[in-house]
Amino acid sequence: MRNATSGGPGRLAGNGAVAARAPAKVNVHLGVGKLRPDGYHELQTVYLAVSLFDTVTVRRAEGLSLTVRGEGAGDGRGPSSVPLDRRNLVWQAAELLARHAGISADADLEIDKTIPAAAGLAGGSADAAAALVALDALWGTRATRGDLATLAAQLGSDVPFSLLGGVALGTHRGERLSPVLARRRWDWVLGIAGDGLSTPAVYAELDEMRAAGTLPDGAELASTEPVIAALRSGPTQALAAALSNDLQPPAIRLRPELRRALRATSDAGARAALVSGSGPTVAGLADDEDTAVRLAAELAGAGVFRTVRAVHGPVHGARLVG
């Protein structure tokens, strides 16, 4: 196995660093099917990349090291704290790309986070996608975008979309993507309610609720056509009417205060509000940018959310910056 420094020139900054950023996502539709033999649920989801980004900066080093700044920085413990070792998808992305290229995994990895951890926004997946792009440039692996997408799917269900960005239909476990053309900008307010929620815990709660007959068993999933049609050309109210998330009931059961957060978002003037992914982020759909900014200011002072952001989408996926 050759040393990473022999991998090629890459696109290095003056200080020998390479940076890439990737966006958060909102699931504007999330249909969860039955549990499969491989332990995953069959999914039909429509992803929308939004303008909340994490940046991963990589530098040449011996071995791997990882630091985190911003949201989730700390000792790597707890649901809202980002791991600083191989549990982190950025670390795993470095090892996976190095194996693919036949080189040693040598890099200093730094994550600058604005996407909250364990919030249903795919922040960890965004970090992994950004790491793949940055390390490909640092090490000069000359991986194609198809190569990176294949590696992304091995890292996690949401990582391929974090690499792609825009709008896409995700199937299987979410990693099989079909891009969707959205002809307009969509404005949102994102409110993060309390500490992070464990995605496996939310799925487990969904399974328990289905077993008890509280929710449909997932044998038939709702069509994605209404939300895709709204994203392509519909007015805001059409998208508002089409939003859906099968993980919202179990997320609320685990975090009852989400009911208040959803109600506060709607009462403030959002066209619709839903839990993003496994939560606990609440996504409120706004008519336009000015409305989103007003909603964010109002909700920030409502005592419901610990963090509120006005964002828009679709935006690009993981790419080099600087």
C-alpha atoms as a PDB file:
ATOM      1  CA  MET A   1       0.000   0.000   0.000  1.00  0.00           C
ATOM      2  CA  ARG A   2       1.490   3.288  -1.092  1.00  0.00           C
ATOM      3  CA  ASN A   3       1.585   6.417   1.011  1.00  0.00           C
ATOM      4  CA  ALA A   4      -1.205   8.929   0.418  1.00  0.00           C
ATOM      5  CA  THR A   5       1.296  11.652  -0.478  1.00  0.00           C
ATOM      6  CA  SER A   6       2.046   9.776  -3.711  1.00  0.00           C
ATOM      7  CA  GLY A   7      -1.579   9.885  -4.835  1.00  0.00           C
ATOM      8  CA  GLY A   8      -1.301  12.904  -7.150  1.00  0.00           C
ATOM      9  CA  PRO A   9      -1.501  16.672  -6.996  1.00  0.00           C
ATOM     10  CA  GLY A  10      -5.118  17.269  -5.941  1.00  0.00           C
ATOM     11  CA  ARG A  11      -6.278  20.880  -5.532  1.00  0.00           C
ATOM     12  CA  LEU A  12      -4.477  22.193  -2.492  1.00  0.00           C
ATOM     13  CA  ALA A  13      -4.846  25.552  -0.806  1.00  0.00           C
ATOM     14  CA  GLY A  14      -1.752  27.575  -0.045  1.00  0.00           C
ATOM     15  CA  ASN A  15      -1.487  26.014   3.409  1.00  0.00           C
ATOM     16  CA  GLY A  16      -1.752  22.474   2.040  1.00  0.00           C
ATOM     17  CA  ALA A  17      -5.387  22.127   3.128  1.00  0.00           C
ATOM     18  CA  VAL A  18      -8.440  21.135   1.088  1.00  0.00           C
ATOM     19  CA  ALA A  19     -11.968  22.027   2.159  1.00  0.00           C
ATOM     20  CA  ALA A  20     -15.342  20.797   0.953  1.00  0.00           C
ATOM     21  CA  ARG A  21     -18.837  21.502   2.185  1.00  0.00           C
ATOM     22  CA  ALA A  22     -22.135  19.630   1.981  1.00  0.00           C
ATOM     23  CA  PRO A  23     -25.720  20.554   2.848  1.00  0.00           C
ATOM     24  CA  ALA A  24     -28.364  19.455   5.309  1.00  0.00           C
ATOM     25  CA  LYS A  25     -31.472  17.773   3.940  1.00  0.00           C
ATOM     26  CA  VAL A  26     -35.186  17.862   4.618  1.00  0.00           C
ATOM     27  CA  ASN A  27     -37.306  14.818   3.786  1.00  0.00           C
ATOM     28  CA  VAL A  28     -40.390  16.398   2.236  1.00  0.00           C
ATOM     29  CA  HIS A  29     -41.800  12.892   1.892  1.00  0.00           C
ATOM     30  CA  LEU A  30     -40.688   9.882   3.920  1.00  0.00           C
ATOM     31  CA  GLY A  31     -42.545   6.613   3.491  1.00  0.00           C
ATOM     32  CA  VAL A  32     -41.230   3.738   5.605  1.00  0.00           C
ATOM     33  CA  GLY A  33     -42.030   0.185   4.559  1.00  0.00           C
ATOM     34  CA  LYS A  34     -41.712  -3.052   6.460  1.00  0.00           C
ATOM     35  CA  LEU A  35     -38.477  -4.206   8.075  1.00  0.00           C
ATOM     36  CA  ARG A  36     -36.391  -6.208   5.593  1.00  0.00           C
ATOM     37  CA  PRO A  37     -34.296  -9.312   6.332  1.00  0.00           C
ATOM     38  CA  ASP A  38     -31.113  -7.200   6.173  1.00  0.00           C
ATOM     39  CA  GLY A  39     -32.322  -5.074   9.108  1.00  0.00           C
ATOM     40  CA  TYR A  40     -33.231  -2.008   7.048  1.00  0.00           C
ATOM     41  CA  HIS A  41     -36.670  -0.668   6.217  1.00  0.00           C
ATOM     42  CA  GLU A  42     -37.755  -0.217   2.622  1.00  0.00           C
ATOM     43  CA  LEU A  43     -37.986   3.532   1.992  1.00  0.00           C
ATOM     44  CA  GLN A  44     -39.553   5.881  -0.498  1.00  0.00           C
ATOM     45  CA  THR A  45     -38.350   9.358   0.288  1.00  0.00           C
ATOM     46  CA  VAL A  46     -38.015  12.697  -1.457  1.00  0.00           C
ATOM     47  CA  TYR A  47     -34.941  14.603  -0.365  1.00  0.00           C
ATOM     48  CA  LEU A  48     -34.456  18.370  -0.575  1.00  0.00           C
ATOM     49  CA  ALA A  49     -30.990  19.819   0.075  1.00  0.00           C
ATOM     50  CA  VAL A  50     -31.142  23.096   2.018  1.00  0.00           C
ATOM     51  CA  SER A  51     -28.739  25.952   2.684  1.00  0.00           C
ATOM     52  CA  LEU A  52     -27.292  24.811   5.998  1.00  0.00           C
ATOM     53  CA  PHE A  53     -23.777  23.498   5.425  1.00  0.00           C
ATOM     54  CA  ASP A  54     -21.003  21.652   7.226  1.00  0.00           C
ATOM     55  CA  THR A  55     -17.413  22.102   6.028  1.00  0.00           C
ATOM     56  CA  VAL A  56     -14.721  19.433   6.230  1.00  0.00           C
ATOM     57  CA  THR A  57     -11.076  20.553   5.928  1.00  0.00           C
ATOM     58  CA  VAL A  58      -8.354  17.960   5.392  1.00  0.00           C
ATOM     59  CA  ARG A  59      -4.575  18.215   5.589  1.00  0.00           C
ATOM     60  CA  ARG A  60      -1.713  15.802   5.051  1.00  0.00           C
ATOM     61  CA  ALA A  61      -0.620  13.960   8.187  1.00  0.00           C
ATOM     62  CA  GLU A  62       0.599  10.600   9.421  1.00  0.00           C
ATOM     63  CA  GLY A  63      -2.366   8.446  10.381  1.00  0.00           C
ATOM     64  CA  LEU A  64      -5.824   9.880  11.025  1.00  0.00           C
ATOM     65  CA  SER A  65      -6.920  12.496  13.542  1.00  0.00           C
ATOM     66  CA  LEU A  66     -10.255  14.261  13.886  1.00  0.00           C
ATOM     67  CA  THR A  67     -11.406  17.520  15.465  1.00  0.00           C
ATOM     68  CA  VAL A  68     -14.842  19.168  15.496  1.00  0.00           C
ATOM     69  CA  ARG A  69     -15.818  22.819  15.833  1.00  0.00           C
ATOM     70  CA  GLY A  70     -19.268  24.320  16.174  1.00  0.00           C
ATOM     71  CA  GLU A  71     -22.491  22.305  16.620  1.00  0.00           C
ATOM     72  CA  GLY A  72     -21.820  19.021  18.405  1.00  0.00           C
ATOM     73  CA  ALA A  73     -18.273  19.863  19.454  1.00  0.00           C
ATOM     74  CA  GLY A  74     -17.271  18.313  22.763  1.00  0.00           C
ATOM     75  CA  ASP A  75     -15.934  15.067  24.148  1.00  0.00           C
ATOM     76  CA  GLY A  76     -17.700  12.876  21.580  1.00  0.00           C
ATOM     77  CA  ARG A  77     -20.219  11.529  24.081  1.00  0.00           C
ATOM     78  CA  GLY A  78     -23.978  11.980  24.281  1.00  0.00           C
ATOM     79  CA  PRO A  79     -26.657  12.068  21.553  1.00  0.00           C
ATOM     80  CA  SER A  80     -25.841  15.597  20.366  1.00  0.00           C
ATOM     81  CA  SER A  81     -22.056  15.308  20.576  1.00  0.00           C
ATOM     82  CA  VAL A  82     -20.079  14.302  17.478  1.00  0.00           C
ATOM     83  CA  PRO A  83     -17.766  11.262  17.875  1.00  0.00           C
ATOM     84  CA  LEU A  84     -14.064  11.949  17.499  1.00  0.00           C
ATOM     85  CA  ASP A  85     -12.972   8.451  16.491  1.00  0.00           C
ATOM     86  CA  ARG A  86     -13.854   5.710  14.035  1.00  0.00           C
ATOM     87  CA  ARG A  87     -17.543   5.968  15.005  1.00  0.00           C
ATOM     88  CA  ASN A  88     -17.609   9.192  12.988  1.00  0.00           C
ATOM     89  CA  LEU A  89     -18.572   8.783   9.316  1.00  0.00           C
ATOM     90  CA  VAL A  90     -15.801  11.186   8.293  1.00  0.00           C
ATOM     91  CA  TRP A  91     -13.200   8.819   9.748  1.00  0.00           C
ATOM     92  CA  GLN A  92     -14.902   5.884   8.024  1.00  0.00           C
ATOM     93  CA  ALA A  93     -14.995   7.809   4.735  1.00  0.00           C
ATOM     94  CA  ALA A  94     -11.241   8.397   4.945  1.00  0.00           C
ATOM     95  CA  GLU A  95     -10.532   4.709   5.541  1.00  0.00           C
ATOM     96  CA  LEU A  96     -12.915   3.623   2.779  1.00  0.00           C
ATOM     97  CA  LEU A  97     -11.517   5.997   0.146  1.00  0.00           C
ATOM     98  CA  ALA A  98      -7.953   5.036   1.073  1.00  0.00           C
ATOM     99  CA  ARG A  99      -8.748   1.336   0.624  1.00  0.00           C
ATOM    100  CA  HIS A 100     -10.423   2.083  -2.704  1.00  0.00           C
ATOM    101  CA  ALA A 101      -7.334   3.977  -3.897  1.00  0.00           C
ATOM    102  CA  GLY A 102      -4.827   1.498  -2.451  1.00  0.00           C
ATOM    103  CA  ILE A 103      -3.140   4.112  -0.279  1.00  0.00           C
ATOM    104  CA  SER A 104      -2.650   4.621   3.433  1.00  0.00           C
ATOM    105  CA  ALA A 105      -5.247   6.715   5.260  1.00  0.00           C
ATOM    106  CA  ASP A 106      -3.112   9.668   6.337  1.00  0.00           C
ATOM    107  CA  ALA A 107      -4.901  12.957   7.032  1.00  0.00           C
ATOM    108  CA  ASP A 108      -5.870  15.460   9.672  1.00  0.00           C
ATOM    109  CA  LEU A 109      -9.663  15.830   9.495  1.00  0.00           C
ATOM    110  CA  GLU A 110     -11.498  18.896  10.778  1.00  0.00           C
ATOM    111  CA  ILE A 111     -15.284  19.337  10.752  1.00  0.00           C
ATOM    112  CA  ASP A 112     -16.776  22.818  11.078  1.00  0.00           C
ATOM    113  CA  LYS A 113     -20.418  22.099  11.894  1.00  0.00           C
ATOM    114  CA  THR A 114     -23.461  24.291  11.539  1.00  0.00           C
ATOM    115  CA  ILE A 115     -25.820  21.313  11.025  1.00  0.00           C
ATOM    116  CA  PRO A 116     -26.890  20.064  14.470  1.00  0.00           C
ATOM    117  CA  ALA A 117     -26.069  16.446  15.282  1.00  0.00           C
ATOM    118  CA  ALA A 118     -28.782  13.793  15.631  1.00  0.00           C
ATOM    119  CA  ALA A 119     -31.376  16.283  14.383  1.00  0.00           C
ATOM    120  CA  GLY A 120     -32.902  14.503  11.386  1.00  0.00           C
ATOM    121  CA  LEU A 121     -30.961  16.719   8.965  1.00  0.00           C
ATOM    122  CA  ALA A 122     -28.296  14.186   7.864  1.00  0.00           C
ATOM    123  CA  GLY A 123     -25.433  16.220   9.298  1.00  0.00           C
ATOM    124  CA  GLY A 124     -23.209  13.173   9.708  1.00  0.00           C
ATOM    125  CA  SER A 125     -23.958  12.124   6.136  1.00  0.00           C
ATOM    126  CA  ALA A 126     -23.116  15.617   4.896  1.00  0.00           C
ATOM    127  CA  ASP A 127     -19.786  15.419   6.719  1.00  0.00           C
ATOM    128  CA  ALA A 128     -19.000  12.046   5.120  1.00  0.00           C
ATOM    129  CA  ALA A 129     -19.843  13.304   1.639  1.00  0.00           C
ATOM    130  CA  ALA A 130     -17.707  16.420   2.106  1.00  0.00           C
ATOM    131  CA  ALA A 131     -14.848  14.269   3.395  1.00  0.00           C
ATOM    132  CA  LEU A 132     -14.942  12.043   0.307  1.00  0.00           C
ATOM    133  CA  VAL A 133     -14.736  15.084  -1.991  1.00  0.00           C
ATOM    134  CA  ALA A 134     -11.989  16.805   0.016  1.00  0.00           C
ATOM    135  CA  LEU A 135      -9.849  13.700   0.489  1.00  0.00           C
ATOM    136  CA  ASP A 136     -10.142  12.762  -3.180  1.00  0.00           C
ATOM    137  CA  ALA A 137      -8.581  16.133  -3.979  1.00  0.00           C
ATOM    138  CA  LEU A 138      -5.990  15.974  -1.182  1.00  0.00           C
ATOM    139  CA  TRP A 139      -4.805  12.478  -2.074  1.00  0.00           C
ATOM    140  CA  GLY A 140      -5.271  12.831  -5.841  1.00  0.00           C
ATOM    141  CA  THR A 141      -7.152   9.540  -6.038  1.00  0.00           C
ATOM    142  CA  ARG A 142      -8.882  10.614  -9.272  1.00  0.00           C
ATOM    143  CA  ALA A 143     -12.058   8.872  -8.207  1.00  0.00           C
ATOM    144  CA  THR A 144     -14.984   9.526 -10.526  1.00  0.00           C
ATOM    145  CA  ARG A 145     -18.246  10.934  -9.224  1.00  0.00           C
ATOM    146  CA  GLY A 146     -19.678   7.445  -9.762  1.00  0.00           C
ATOM    147  CA  ASP A 147     -16.895   5.954  -7.639  1.00  0.00           C
ATOM    148  CA  LEU A 148     -17.630   8.427  -4.853  1.00  0.00           C
ATOM    149  CA  ALA A 149     -21.362   7.678  -5.048  1.00  0.00           C
ATOM    150  CA  THR A 150     -20.665   3.950  -4.688  1.00  0.00           C
ATOM    151  CA  LEU A 151     -18.468   4.583  -1.662  1.00  0.00           C
ATOM    152  CA  ALA A 152     -21.068   6.963  -0.227  1.00  0.00           C
ATOM    153  CA  ALA A 153     -23.721   4.237  -0.335  1.00  0.00           C
ATOM    154  CA  GLN A 154     -21.448   1.966   1.707  1.00  0.00           C
ATOM    155  CA  LEU A 155     -21.175   4.635   4.401  1.00  0.00           C
ATOM    156  CA  GLY A 156     -24.878   5.289   4.963  1.00  0.00           C
ATOM    157  CA  SER A 157     -28.302   5.621   3.385  1.00  0.00           C
ATOM    158  CA  ASP A 158     -28.272   9.449   3.249  1.00  0.00           C
ATOM    159  CA  VAL A 159     -24.647   9.935   2.181  1.00  0.00           C
ATOM    160  CA  PRO A 160     -25.297   9.527  -1.579  1.00  0.00           C
ATOM    161  CA  PHE A 161     -27.852  12.338  -1.474  1.00  0.00           C
ATOM    162  CA  SER A 162     -25.497  14.556   0.522  1.00  0.00           C
ATOM    163  CA  LEU A 163     -23.032  14.045  -2.328  1.00  0.00           C
ATOM    164  CA  LEU A 164     -25.650  14.748  -5.027  1.00  0.00           C
ATOM    165  CA  GLY A 165     -27.715  17.569  -3.506  1.00  0.00           C
ATOM    166  CA  GLY A 166     -30.657  19.239  -5.220  1.00  0.00           C
ATOM    167  CA  VAL A 167     -33.875  17.234  -5.082  1.00  0.00           C
ATOM    168  CA  ALA A 168     -34.067  13.472  -5.496  1.00  0.00           C
ATOM    169  CA  LEU A 169     -36.318  10.480  -5.019  1.00  0.00           C
ATOM    170  CA  GLY A 170     -34.619   7.906  -2.804  1.00  0.00           C
ATOM    171  CA  THR A 171     -35.639   4.238  -2.790  1.00  0.00           C
ATOM    172  CA  HIS A 172     -34.437   0.892  -1.361  1.00  0.00           C
ATOM    173  CA  ARG A 173     -32.978   2.194   1.916  1.00  0.00           C
ATOM    174  CA  GLY A 174     -32.750   5.729   0.524  1.00  0.00           C
ATOM    175  CA  GLU A 175     -29.419   5.351  -1.255  1.00  0.00           C
ATOM    176  CA  ARG A 176     -30.797   4.674  -4.760  1.00  0.00           C
ATOM    177  CA  LEU A 177     -31.427   8.112  -6.200  1.00  0.00           C
ATOM    178  CA  SER A 178     -33.391   9.554  -9.093  1.00  0.00           C
ATOM    179  CA  PRO A 179     -32.850  13.324  -9.462  1.00  0.00           C
ATOM    180  CA  VAL A 180     -35.962  15.504  -9.560  1.00  0.00           C
ATOM    181  CA  LEU A 181     -36.044  18.854 -11.357  1.00  0.00           C
ATOM    182  CA  ALA A 182     -37.403  21.582  -9.081  1.00  0.00           C
ATOM    183  CA  ARG A 183     -38.193  24.762 -10.987  1.00  0.00           C
ATOM    184  CA  ARG A 184     -38.308  27.174  -8.076  1.00  0.00           C
ATOM    185  CA  ARG A 185     -36.773  28.026  -4.737  1.00  0.00           C
ATOM    186  CA  TRP A 186     -38.426  26.803  -1.540  1.00  0.00           C
ATOM    187  CA  ASP A 187     -37.991  28.702   1.722  1.00  0.00           C
ATOM    188  CA  TRP A 188     -38.085  27.037   5.142  1.00  0.00           C
ATOM    189  CA  VAL A 189     -37.538  27.665   8.803  1.00  0.00           C
ATOM    190  CA  LEU A 190     -35.808  24.885  10.733  1.00  0.00           C
ATOM    191  CA  GLY A 191     -36.299  24.649  14.497  1.00  0.00           C
ATOM    192  CA  ILE A 192     -34.227  22.176  16.513  1.00  0.00           C
ATOM    193  CA  ALA A 193     -36.175  21.118  19.570  1.00  0.00           C
ATOM    194  CA  GLY A 194     -33.982  19.930  22.426  1.00  0.00           C
ATOM    195  CA  ASP A 195     -31.263  17.299  22.311  1.00  0.00           C
ATOM    196  CA  GLY A 196     -30.797  14.844  19.471  1.00  0.00           C
ATOM    197  CA  LEU A 197     -32.967  11.820  18.789  1.00  0.00           C
ATOM    198  CA  SER A 198     -31.433   8.456  17.945  1.00  0.00           C
ATOM    199  CA  THR A 199     -32.490   7.371  14.456  1.00  0.00           C
ATOM    200  CA  PRO A 200     -32.471   3.639  15.394  1.00  0.00           C
ATOM    201  CA  ALA A 201     -34.631   4.428  18.428  1.00  0.00           C
ATOM    202  CA  VAL A 202     -37.212   6.217  16.265  1.00  0.00           C
ATOM    203  CA  TYR A 203     -37.362   3.320  13.802  1.00  0.00           C
ATOM    204  CA  ALA A 204     -37.687   0.854  16.692  1.00  0.00           C
ATOM    205  CA  GLU A 205     -40.572   2.899  18.086  1.00  0.00           C
ATOM    206  CA  LEU A 206     -42.226   2.844  14.664  1.00  0.00           C
ATOM    207  CA  ASP A 207     -41.967  -0.959  14.611  1.00  0.00           C
ATOM    208  CA  GLU A 208     -43.477  -1.168  18.101  1.00  0.00           C
ATOM    209  CA  MET A 209     -46.363   1.122  17.179  1.00  0.00           C
ATOM    210  CA  ARG A 210     -47.067  -0.936  14.067  1.00  0.00           C
ATOM    211  CA  ALA A 211     -46.912  -4.207  15.999  1.00  0.00           C
ATOM    212  CA  ALA A 212     -49.455  -2.783  18.461  1.00  0.00           C
ATOM    213  CA  GLY A 213     -51.756  -1.738  15.614  1.00  0.00           C
ATOM    214  CA  THR A 214     -51.367   1.956  16.426  1.00  0.00           C
ATOM    215  CA  LEU A 215     -50.060   2.687  12.920  1.00  0.00           C
ATOM    216  CA  PRO A 216     -50.498   0.991   9.500  1.00  0.00           C
ATOM    217  CA  ASP A 217     -48.061  -1.868   8.966  1.00  0.00           C
ATOM    218  CA  GLY A 218     -46.187  -0.232   6.079  1.00  0.00           C
ATOM    219  CA  ALA A 219     -47.156  -2.846   3.496  1.00  0.00           C
ATOM    220  CA  GLU A 220     -48.416  -0.084   1.192  1.00  0.00           C
ATOM    221  CA  LEU A 221     -46.557   3.191   0.919  1.00  0.00           C
ATOM    222  CA  ALA A 222     -48.131   6.477  -0.082  1.00  0.00           C
ATOM    223  CA  SER A 223     -47.337   7.735  -3.569  1.00  0.00           C
ATOM    224  CA  THR A 224     -44.517  10.239  -3.983  1.00  0.00           C
ATOM    225  CA  GLU A 225     -46.148  11.766  -7.069  1.00  0.00           C
ATOM    226  CA  PRO A 226     -48.032  14.607  -5.302  1.00  0.00           C
ATOM    227  CA  VAL A 227     -44.918  15.961  -3.603  1.00  0.00           C
ATOM    228  CA  ILE A 228     -42.776  15.552  -6.730  1.00  0.00           C
ATOM    229  CA  ALA A 229     -45.387  17.354  -8.841  1.00  0.00           C
ATOM    230  CA  ALA A 230     -45.537  20.183  -6.286  1.00  0.00           C
ATOM    231  CA  LEU A 231     -41.754  20.522  -6.206  1.00  0.00           C
ATOM    232  CA  ARG A 232     -41.575  20.675  -9.974  1.00  0.00           C
ATOM    233  CA  SER A 233     -44.025  23.482 -10.565  1.00  0.00           C
ATOM    234  CA  GLY A 234     -46.629  23.813  -7.838  1.00  0.00           C
ATOM    235  CA  PRO A 235     -47.498  26.748  -5.606  1.00  0.00           C
ATOM    236  CA  THR A 236     -46.400  26.717  -1.973  1.00  0.00           C
ATOM    237  CA  GLN A 237     -49.778  25.452  -0.789  1.00  0.00           C
ATOM    238  CA  ALA A 238     -49.538  22.424  -3.088  1.00  0.00           C
ATOM    239  CA  LEU A 239     -46.259  21.380  -1.483  1.00  0.00           C
ATOM    240  CA  ALA A 240     -47.650  22.120   1.978  1.00  0.00           C
ATOM    241  CA  ALA A 241     -50.547  19.734   1.344  1.00  0.00           C
ATOM    242  CA  ALA A 242     -48.208  16.989   0.083  1.00  0.00           C
ATOM    243  CA  LEU A 243     -45.673  16.919   2.939  1.00  0.00           C
ATOM    244  CA  SER A 244     -45.577  13.625   4.883  1.00  0.00           C
ATOM    245  CA  ASN A 245     -43.307  11.683   7.222  1.00  0.00           C
ATOM    246  CA  ASP A 246     -44.008   8.189   8.576  1.00  0.00           C
ATOM    247  CA  LEU A 247     -41.409   8.768  11.313  1.00  0.00           C
ATOM    248  CA  GLN A 248     -43.247  11.753  12.766  1.00  0.00           C
ATOM    249  CA  PRO A 249     -45.610   9.749  15.047  1.00  0.00           C
ATOM    250  CA  PRO A 250     -42.843   7.696  16.672  1.00  0.00           C
ATOM    251  CA  ALA A 251     -40.649  10.794  17.026  1.00  0.00           C
ATOM    252  CA  ILE A 252     -43.505  12.578  18.823  1.00  0.00           C
ATOM    253  CA  ARG A 253     -44.092   9.554  21.033  1.00  0.00           C
ATOM    254  CA  LEU A 254     -40.447   9.594  22.094  1.00  0.00           C
ATOM    255  CA  ARG A 255     -40.354  13.415  22.342  1.00  0.00           C
ATOM    256  CA  PRO A 256     -43.894  14.657  23.199  1.00  0.00           C
ATOM    257  CA  GLU A 257     -42.780  18.290  23.241  1.00  0.00           C
ATOM    258  CA  LEU A 258     -42.541  18.056  19.439  1.00  0.00           C
ATOM    259  CA  ARG A 259     -46.323  18.541  19.350  1.00  0.00           C
ATOM    260  CA  ARG A 260     -45.883  21.999  20.850  1.00  0.00           C
ATOM    261  CA  ALA A 261     -43.012  22.745  18.460  1.00  0.00           C
ATOM    262  CA  LEU A 262     -45.095  21.769  15.411  1.00  0.00           C
ATOM    263  CA  ARG A 263     -48.050  23.814  16.638  1.00  0.00           C
ATOM    264  CA  ALA A 264     -45.869  26.853  17.362  1.00  0.00           C
ATOM    265  CA  THR A 265     -44.391  26.696  13.853  1.00  0.00           C
ATOM    266  CA  SER A 266     -47.820  26.530  12.233  1.00  0.00           C
ATOM    267  CA  ASP A 267     -49.239  29.229  14.502  1.00  0.00           C
ATOM    268  CA  ALA A 268     -46.356  31.553  13.604  1.00  0.00           C
ATOM    269  CA  GLY A 269     -47.453  31.432   9.966  1.00  0.00           C
ATOM    270  CA  ALA A 270     -45.742  28.477   8.285  1.00  0.00           C
ATOM    271  CA  ARG A 271     -47.806  26.985   5.474  1.00  0.00           C
ATOM    272  CA  ALA A 272     -47.132  23.550   6.959  1.00  0.00           C
ATOM    273  CA  ALA A 273     -44.813  22.001   9.522  1.00  0.00           C
ATOM    274  CA  LEU A 274     -43.411  18.496   9.841  1.00  0.00           C
ATOM    275  CA  VAL A 275     -40.676  16.642  11.658  1.00  0.00           C
ATOM    276  CA  SER A 276     -37.623  16.289   9.402  1.00  0.00           C
ATOM    277  CA  GLY A 277     -36.492  12.683   9.115  1.00  0.00           C
ATOM    278  CA  SER A 278     -36.211  11.071  12.541  1.00  0.00           C
ATOM    279  CA  GLY A 279     -36.284  14.470  14.285  1.00  0.00           C
ATOM    280  CA  PRO A 280     -36.200  16.399  16.469  1.00  0.00           C
ATOM    281  CA  THR A 281     -35.933  19.185  13.870  1.00  0.00           C
ATOM    282  CA  VAL A 282     -39.231  20.761  12.811  1.00  0.00           C
ATOM    283  CA  ALA A 283     -39.300  22.088   9.243  1.00  0.00           C
ATOM    284  CA  GLY A 284     -41.761  24.875   8.520  1.00  0.00           C
ATOM    285  CA  LEU A 285     -42.564  25.727   4.905  1.00  0.00           C
ATOM    286  CA  ALA A 286     -42.673  29.480   4.218  1.00  0.00           C
ATOM    287  CA  ASP A 287     -44.146  31.464   1.322  1.00  0.00           C
ATOM    288  CA  ASP A 288     -40.900  33.292   0.601  1.00  0.00           C
ATOM    289  CA  GLU A 289     -37.553  34.379   2.054  1.00  0.00           C
ATOM    290  CA  ASP A 290     -38.943  37.344   3.985  1.00  0.00           C
ATOM    291  CA  THR A 291     -41.543  35.125   5.618  1.00  0.00           C
ATOM    292  CA  ALA A 292     -38.920  32.524   6.536  1.00  0.00           C
ATOM    293  CA  VAL A 293     -36.737  35.181   8.168  1.00  0.00           C
ATOM    294  CA  ARG A 294     -39.737  36.544  10.098  1.00  0.00           C
ATOM    295  CA  LEU A 295     -40.741  33.051  11.223  1.00  0.00           C
ATOM    296  CA  ALA A 296     -37.181  32.335  12.379  1.00  0.00           C
ATOM    297  CA  ALA A 297     -37.079  35.534  14.442  1.00  0.00           C
ATOM    298  CA  GLU A 298     -40.464  34.856  16.027  1.00  0.00           C
ATOM    299  CA  LEU A 299     -39.735  31.216  16.822  1.00  0.00           C
ATOM    300  CA  ALA A 300     -36.285  32.023  18.205  1.00  0.00           C
ATOM    301  CA  GLY A 301     -37.972  34.015  20.947  1.00  0.00           C
ATOM    302  CA  ALA A 302     -40.800  31.573  21.605  1.00  0.00           C
ATOM    303  CA  GLY A 303     -38.880  29.321  24.008  1.00  0.00           C
ATOM    304  CA  VAL A 304     -39.686  26.216  21.968  1.00  0.00           C
ATOM    305  CA  PHE A 305     -36.455  25.637  20.043  1.00  0.00           C
ATOM    306  CA  ARG A 306     -32.800  25.745  21.032  1.00  0.00           C
ATOM    307  CA  THR A 307     -31.733  26.690  17.496  1.00  0.00           C
ATOM    308  CA  VAL A 308     -33.708  28.247  14.634  1.00  0.00           C
ATOM    309  CA  ARG A 309     -32.512  28.842  11.067  1.00  0.00           C
ATOM    310  CA  ALA A 310     -34.083  30.283   7.912  1.00  0.00           C
ATOM    311  CA  VAL A 311     -32.910  28.231   4.923  1.00  0.00           C
ATOM    312  CA  HIS A 312     -33.786  27.601   1.290  1.00  0.00           C
ATOM    313  CA  GLY A 313     -33.447  24.848  -1.238  1.00  0.00           C
ATOM    314  CA  PRO A 314     -32.618  23.161  -3.443  1.00  0.00           C
ATOM    315  CA  VAL A 315     -28.861  23.704  -3.171  1.00  0.00           C
ATOM    316  CA  HIS A 316     -25.857  21.827  -4.514  1.00  0.00           C
ATOM    317  CA  GLY A 317     -24.386  18.726  -2.942  1.00  0.00           C
ATOM    318  CA  ALA A 318     -20.846  18.193  -1.656  1.00  0.00           C
ATOM    319  CA  ARG A 319     -18.224  20.265  -3.463  1.00  0.00           C
ATOM    320  CA  LEU A 320     -14.839  21.854  -2.937  1.00  0.00           C
ATOM    321  CA  VAL A 321     -14.745  25.366  -1.495  1.00  0.00           C
ATOM    322  CA  GLY A 322     -12.057  27.992  -1.180  1.00  0.00           C
END
